[in-house]
Amino acid sequence: MIRTVVTPQQQNISINLPENFIGKQVEVIAFTINDATEEPIADKLMTHFASEKVLAKDWLTPEEDLAWQHL
């Protein structure tokens, strides 16, 4: 994995990839650092509620109760 931070001076940027990346699928993600790290509190709360039902499928089982009964 290659990770780098750039400060573009124009809309176009180019990257040089290692030779072993040629012919392979490469994912390139662009976001501003401030936007990625400053998540509003309301969004964090909504993520909690959205995750609750999904996690309950794995956590609310007899097998999980048995695994955690000694705590």
C-alpha atoms as a PDB file:
ATOM      1  CA  MET A   1       0.000   0.000   0.000  1.00  0.00           C
ATOM      2  CA  ILE A   2       1.192   3.462  -0.828  1.00  0.00           C
ATOM      3  CA  ARG A   3      -0.096   6.428   1.090  1.00  0.00           C
ATOM      4  CA  THR A   4       0.844  10.014   0.495  1.00  0.00           C
ATOM      5  CA  VAL A   5      -0.521  13.457   1.227  1.00  0.00           C
ATOM      6  CA  VAL A   6      -0.436  16.133  -1.451  1.00  0.00           C
ATOM      7  CA  THR A   7      -1.513  19.751  -1.640  1.00  0.00           C
ATOM      8  CA  PRO A   8      -2.595  20.219  -5.250  1.00  0.00           C
ATOM      9  CA  GLN A   9      -2.047  23.572  -6.909  1.00  0.00           C
ATOM     10  CA  GLN A  10      -4.514  22.791  -9.714  1.00  0.00           C
ATOM     11  CA  GLN A  11      -7.380  20.390 -10.456  1.00  0.00           C
ATOM     12  CA  ASN A  12      -5.209  17.757 -12.123  1.00  0.00           C
ATOM     13  CA  ILE A  13      -2.661  15.639 -10.312  1.00  0.00           C
ATOM     14  CA  SER A  14      -0.654  12.643 -11.477  1.00  0.00           C
ATOM     15  CA  ILE A  15       0.866   9.780  -9.538  1.00  0.00           C
ATOM     16  CA  ASN A  16       3.729   7.451 -10.318  1.00  0.00           C
ATOM     17  CA  LEU A  17       3.038   3.862  -9.327  1.00  0.00           C
ATOM     18  CA  PRO A  18       5.514   1.078  -8.693  1.00  0.00           C
ATOM     19  CA  GLU A  19       6.062  -1.227 -11.640  1.00  0.00           C
ATOM     20  CA  ASN A  20       4.346  -4.150  -9.875  1.00  0.00           C
ATOM     21  CA  PHE A  21       1.078  -2.144  -9.833  1.00  0.00           C
ATOM     22  CA  ILE A  22       0.874  -2.105 -13.629  1.00  0.00           C
ATOM     23  CA  GLY A  23      -2.001  -4.234 -14.924  1.00  0.00           C
ATOM     24  CA  LYS A  24      -3.679  -4.464 -11.513  1.00  0.00           C
ATOM     25  CA  GLN A  25      -6.747  -2.669 -10.243  1.00  0.00           C
ATOM     26  CA  VAL A  26      -5.711   0.273  -8.082  1.00  0.00           C
ATOM     27  CA  GLU A  27      -8.102   2.231  -5.880  1.00  0.00           C
ATOM     28  CA  VAL A  28      -7.439   5.964  -5.660  1.00  0.00           C
ATOM     29  CA  ILE A  29      -9.364   7.916  -3.045  1.00  0.00           C
ATOM     30  CA  ALA A  30      -9.233  11.699  -2.769  1.00  0.00           C
ATOM     31  CA  PHE A  31     -10.612  13.674   0.154  1.00  0.00           C
ATOM     32  CA  THR A  32      -9.552  16.682   2.129  1.00  0.00           C
ATOM     33  CA  ILE A  33      -8.011  15.788   5.454  1.00  0.00           C
ATOM     34  CA  ASN A  34     -10.207  18.210   7.394  1.00  0.00           C
ATOM     35  CA  ASP A  35     -13.399  16.804   5.864  1.00  0.00           C
ATOM     36  CA  ALA A  36     -12.379  13.246   6.659  1.00  0.00           C
ATOM     37  CA  THR A  37     -11.466  13.867  10.291  1.00  0.00           C
ATOM     38  CA  GLU A  38     -14.101  16.354  11.392  1.00  0.00           C
ATOM     39  CA  GLU A  39     -17.271  14.277  11.564  1.00  0.00           C
ATOM     40  CA  PRO A  40     -20.216  16.105  13.137  1.00  0.00           C
ATOM     41  CA  ILE A  41     -21.423  14.653  16.448  1.00  0.00           C
ATOM     42  CA  ALA A  42     -24.908  14.075  15.031  1.00  0.00           C
ATOM     43  CA  ASP A  43     -23.423  11.816  12.322  1.00  0.00           C
ATOM     44  CA  LYS A  44     -21.561   9.778  14.940  1.00  0.00           C
ATOM     45  CA  LEU A  45     -24.772   9.313  16.879  1.00  0.00           C
ATOM     46  CA  MET A  46     -26.645   8.218  13.758  1.00  0.00           C
ATOM     47  CA  THR A  47     -23.888   5.701  12.971  1.00  0.00           C
ATOM     48  CA  HIS A  48     -24.360   4.239  16.437  1.00  0.00           C
ATOM     49  CA  PHE A  49     -28.086   3.761  15.912  1.00  0.00           C
ATOM     50  CA  ALA A  50     -27.627   2.394  12.397  1.00  0.00           C
ATOM     51  CA  SER A  51     -25.071  -0.159  13.615  1.00  0.00           C
ATOM     52  CA  GLU A  52     -27.105  -1.355  16.586  1.00  0.00           C
ATOM     53  CA  LYS A  53     -29.488  -3.635  14.654  1.00  0.00           C
ATOM     54  CA  VAL A  54     -26.733  -5.117  12.537  1.00  0.00           C
ATOM     55  CA  LEU A  55     -24.552  -5.891  15.552  1.00  0.00           C
ATOM     56  CA  ALA A  56     -27.494  -7.311  17.480  1.00  0.00           C
ATOM     57  CA  LYS A  57     -27.805 -10.109  14.918  1.00  0.00           C
ATOM     58  CA  ASP A  58     -24.391 -11.426  15.975  1.00  0.00           C
ATOM     59  CA  TRP A  59     -24.454 -10.427  19.627  1.00  0.00           C
ATOM     60  CA  LEU A  60     -27.943 -11.431  20.712  1.00  0.00           C
ATOM     61  CA  THR A  61     -27.583 -15.164  20.245  1.00  0.00           C
ATOM     62  CA  PRO A  62     -27.481 -18.108  22.682  1.00  0.00           C
ATOM     63  CA  GLU A  63     -23.909 -18.801  21.549  1.00  0.00           C
ATOM     64  CA  GLU A  64     -22.799 -15.285  22.520  1.00  0.00           C
ATOM     65  CA  ASP A  65     -24.577 -15.565  25.878  1.00  0.00           C
ATOM     66  CA  LEU A  66     -22.724 -18.803  26.549  1.00  0.00           C
ATOM     67  CA  ALA A  67     -19.383 -17.323  25.511  1.00  0.00           C
ATOM     68  CA  TRP A  68     -19.746 -14.361  27.876  1.00  0.00           C
ATOM     69  CA  GLN A  69     -21.482 -15.999  30.854  1.00  0.00           C
ATOM     70  CA  HIS A  70     -18.295 -16.174  32.950  1.00  0.00           C
ATOM     71  CA  LEU A  71     -17.821 -12.387  32.923  1.00  0.00           C
END
